[in-house]
């Protein structure tokens, strides 16, 4: 009965199951560890905020996570940054995009590590979700 009430509420609000998931629930990893580069990605929605307003807050959140060379690209509505923590001189890249979605903004995050590199999934998931949450202001 409770599931029926939740489903009815989601339908009344016009939410799909994917829209109702959290940042953590949207997390995925593409690639084969050590054999190919890996892309850690997730997304979430930020209600009632325009992409332009979200971008500035996302850049501050990226900085707080220790990334360098942070750039805001207004043409693509994205924040780009790099991180080099392995000492190998092979940087990892982060791209966060903010797009209009309904009455708010959808934020997509992709953290890419090169072949032979890995990042702890639990930490990476938490860090990407902290960055996206930072877009809420």
Protein backbone atom coordinates (compact mmCIF):
# COMPACT_ATOMS: atom_id res chain seq x y z
CA UNK A 1 0.00 0.00 0.00
CA UNK A 2 2.84 2.37 0.90
CA UNK A 3 4.58 1.70 -2.46
CA UNK A 4 1.32 2.49 -4.26
CA UNK A 5 1.06 5.82 -2.42
CA UNK A 6 4.67 6.74 -3.28
CA UNK A 7 4.17 5.80 -6.94
CA UNK A 8 0.95 7.84 -7.11
CA UNK A 9 2.70 10.82 -5.53
CA UNK A 10 5.57 10.60 -8.02
CA UNK A 11 3.15 10.42 -10.94
CA UNK A 12 1.17 13.37 -9.60
CA UNK A 13 4.38 15.39 -9.41
CA UNK A 14 5.38 14.29 -12.89
CA UNK A 15 8.52 12.50 -11.70
CA UNK A 16 9.91 9.42 -13.37
CA UNK A 17 11.78 6.78 -11.40
CA UNK A 18 15.10 8.06 -12.76
CA UNK A 19 14.32 11.60 -11.63
CA UNK A 20 13.48 10.39 -8.14
CA UNK A 21 16.86 8.67 -7.61
CA UNK A 22 19.57 10.34 -5.62
CA UNK A 23 23.02 11.33 -6.83
CA UNK A 24 24.42 8.23 -5.15
CA UNK A 25 21.85 6.03 -6.90
CA UNK A 26 22.74 7.49 -10.30
CA UNK A 27 26.46 6.70 -9.93
CA UNK A 28 28.13 4.39 -12.47
CA UNK A 29 31.60 3.47 -13.72
CA UNK A 30 32.43 2.82 -17.37
CA UNK A 31 35.64 1.05 -18.41
CA UNK A 32 37.84 -1.85 -17.33
CA UNK A 33 40.11 -1.19 -14.34
CA UNK A 34 43.81 -1.02 -15.27
CA UNK A 35 43.11 -1.97 -18.92
CA UNK A 36 41.23 1.12 -20.09
CA UNK A 37 40.56 4.57 -18.78
CA UNK A 38 37.67 4.76 -16.32
CA UNK A 39 34.83 7.26 -16.28
CA UNK A 40 33.05 7.69 -12.96
CA UNK A 41 29.78 9.52 -13.51
CA UNK A 42 26.59 10.57 -11.82
CA UNK A 43 23.89 13.21 -12.01
CA UNK A 44 21.24 14.90 -9.93
CA UNK A 45 18.65 17.66 -10.26
CA UNK A 46 18.69 20.99 -8.49
CA UNK A 47 15.22 22.46 -8.12
CA UNK A 48 14.37 26.08 -8.81
CA UNK A 49 17.87 27.25 -9.81
CA UNK A 50 19.04 28.35 -13.24
CA UNK A 51 22.18 26.76 -14.76
CA UNK A 52 24.11 30.07 -14.71
CA UNK A 53 23.58 30.44 -10.95
CA UNK A 54 24.46 26.79 -10.33
CA UNK A 55 27.75 26.97 -12.31
CA UNK A 56 29.39 29.46 -9.96
CA UNK A 57 28.57 27.34 -6.91
CA UNK A 58 29.74 24.17 -8.70
CA UNK A 59 33.13 25.78 -9.40
CA UNK A 60 33.53 26.61 -5.71
CA UNK A 61 32.63 23.02 -4.77
CA UNK A 62 35.16 21.65 -7.28
CA UNK A 63 37.85 23.85 -5.74
CA UNK A 64 36.94 22.58 -2.25
CA UNK A 65 37.58 19.01 -3.49
CA UNK A 66 41.19 19.91 -4.36
CA UNK A 67 41.01 20.23 -8.14
CA UNK A 68 43.23 22.66 -10.04
CA UNK A 69 43.01 24.59 -13.30
CA UNK A 70 39.28 25.16 -12.77
CA UNK A 71 37.56 26.78 -15.73
CA UNK A 72 33.95 27.77 -16.23
CA UNK A 73 32.89 27.40 -19.86
CA UNK A 74 29.69 29.40 -20.22
CA UNK A 75 29.26 28.33 -23.86
CA UNK A 76 28.86 24.68 -22.81
CA UNK A 77 27.48 25.46 -19.32
CA UNK A 78 30.24 23.42 -17.72
CA UNK A 79 33.01 23.45 -15.15
CA UNK A 80 36.27 21.78 -16.20
CA UNK A 81 39.13 20.89 -13.84
CA UNK A 82 42.12 18.58 -13.44
CA UNK A 83 43.66 16.70 -10.56
CA UNK A 84 47.06 15.02 -10.35
CA UNK A 85 47.37 13.00 -7.17
CA UNK A 86 49.32 9.94 -8.27
CA UNK A 87 52.67 11.66 -8.85
CA UNK A 88 52.75 10.20 -12.36
CA UNK A 89 52.17 13.50 -14.13
CA UNK A 90 49.06 11.98 -15.72
CA UNK A 91 46.13 14.14 -14.61
CA UNK A 92 42.59 13.05 -14.03
CA UNK A 93 39.87 15.28 -15.46
CA UNK A 94 36.54 16.41 -14.11
CA UNK A 95 33.69 17.82 -16.18
CA UNK A 96 30.49 19.06 -14.58
CA UNK A 97 27.64 20.29 -16.79
CA UNK A 98 24.54 22.19 -15.74
CA UNK A 99 21.55 22.19 -18.09
CA UNK A 100 18.05 23.55 -17.78
CA UNK A 101 15.61 20.79 -16.89
CA UNK A 102 12.01 21.64 -16.14
CA UNK A 103 11.93 24.31 -13.44
CA UNK A 104 15.48 23.65 -12.33
CA UNK A 105 18.88 22.38 -13.45
CA UNK A 106 20.23 18.91 -14.16
CA UNK A 107 23.87 18.55 -13.14
CA UNK A 108 25.98 15.79 -14.71
CA UNK A 109 29.45 14.96 -13.36
CA UNK A 110 32.12 12.85 -15.07
CA UNK A 111 35.52 12.11 -13.51
CA UNK A 112 37.94 10.44 -15.94
CA UNK A 113 41.10 8.60 -14.98
CA UNK A 114 43.60 7.33 -17.52
CA UNK A 115 44.49 3.74 -18.35
CA UNK A 116 46.35 2.16 -15.45
CA UNK A 117 44.76 4.46 -12.88
CA UNK A 118 41.84 3.77 -10.56
CA UNK A 119 39.99 5.76 -7.94
CA UNK A 120 38.19 4.28 -4.93
CA UNK A 121 34.53 4.02 -5.97
CA UNK A 122 32.99 4.91 -2.60
CA UNK A 123 35.18 7.99 -2.20
CA UNK A 124 34.66 9.09 -5.81
CA UNK A 125 30.88 8.68 -5.53
CA UNK A 126 30.81 10.74 -2.34
CA UNK A 127 33.09 13.44 -3.79
CA UNK A 128 31.05 13.82 -7.00
CA UNK A 129 27.84 14.02 -5.00
CA UNK A 130 29.38 16.65 -2.67
CA UNK A 131 30.27 18.74 -5.73
CA UNK A 132 26.76 18.43 -7.14
CA UNK A 133 25.25 19.28 -3.75
CA UNK A 134 27.48 22.37 -3.72
CA UNK A 135 25.52 23.59 -6.74
CA UNK A 136 22.49 24.03 -4.50
CA UNK A 137 24.16 27.09 -2.98
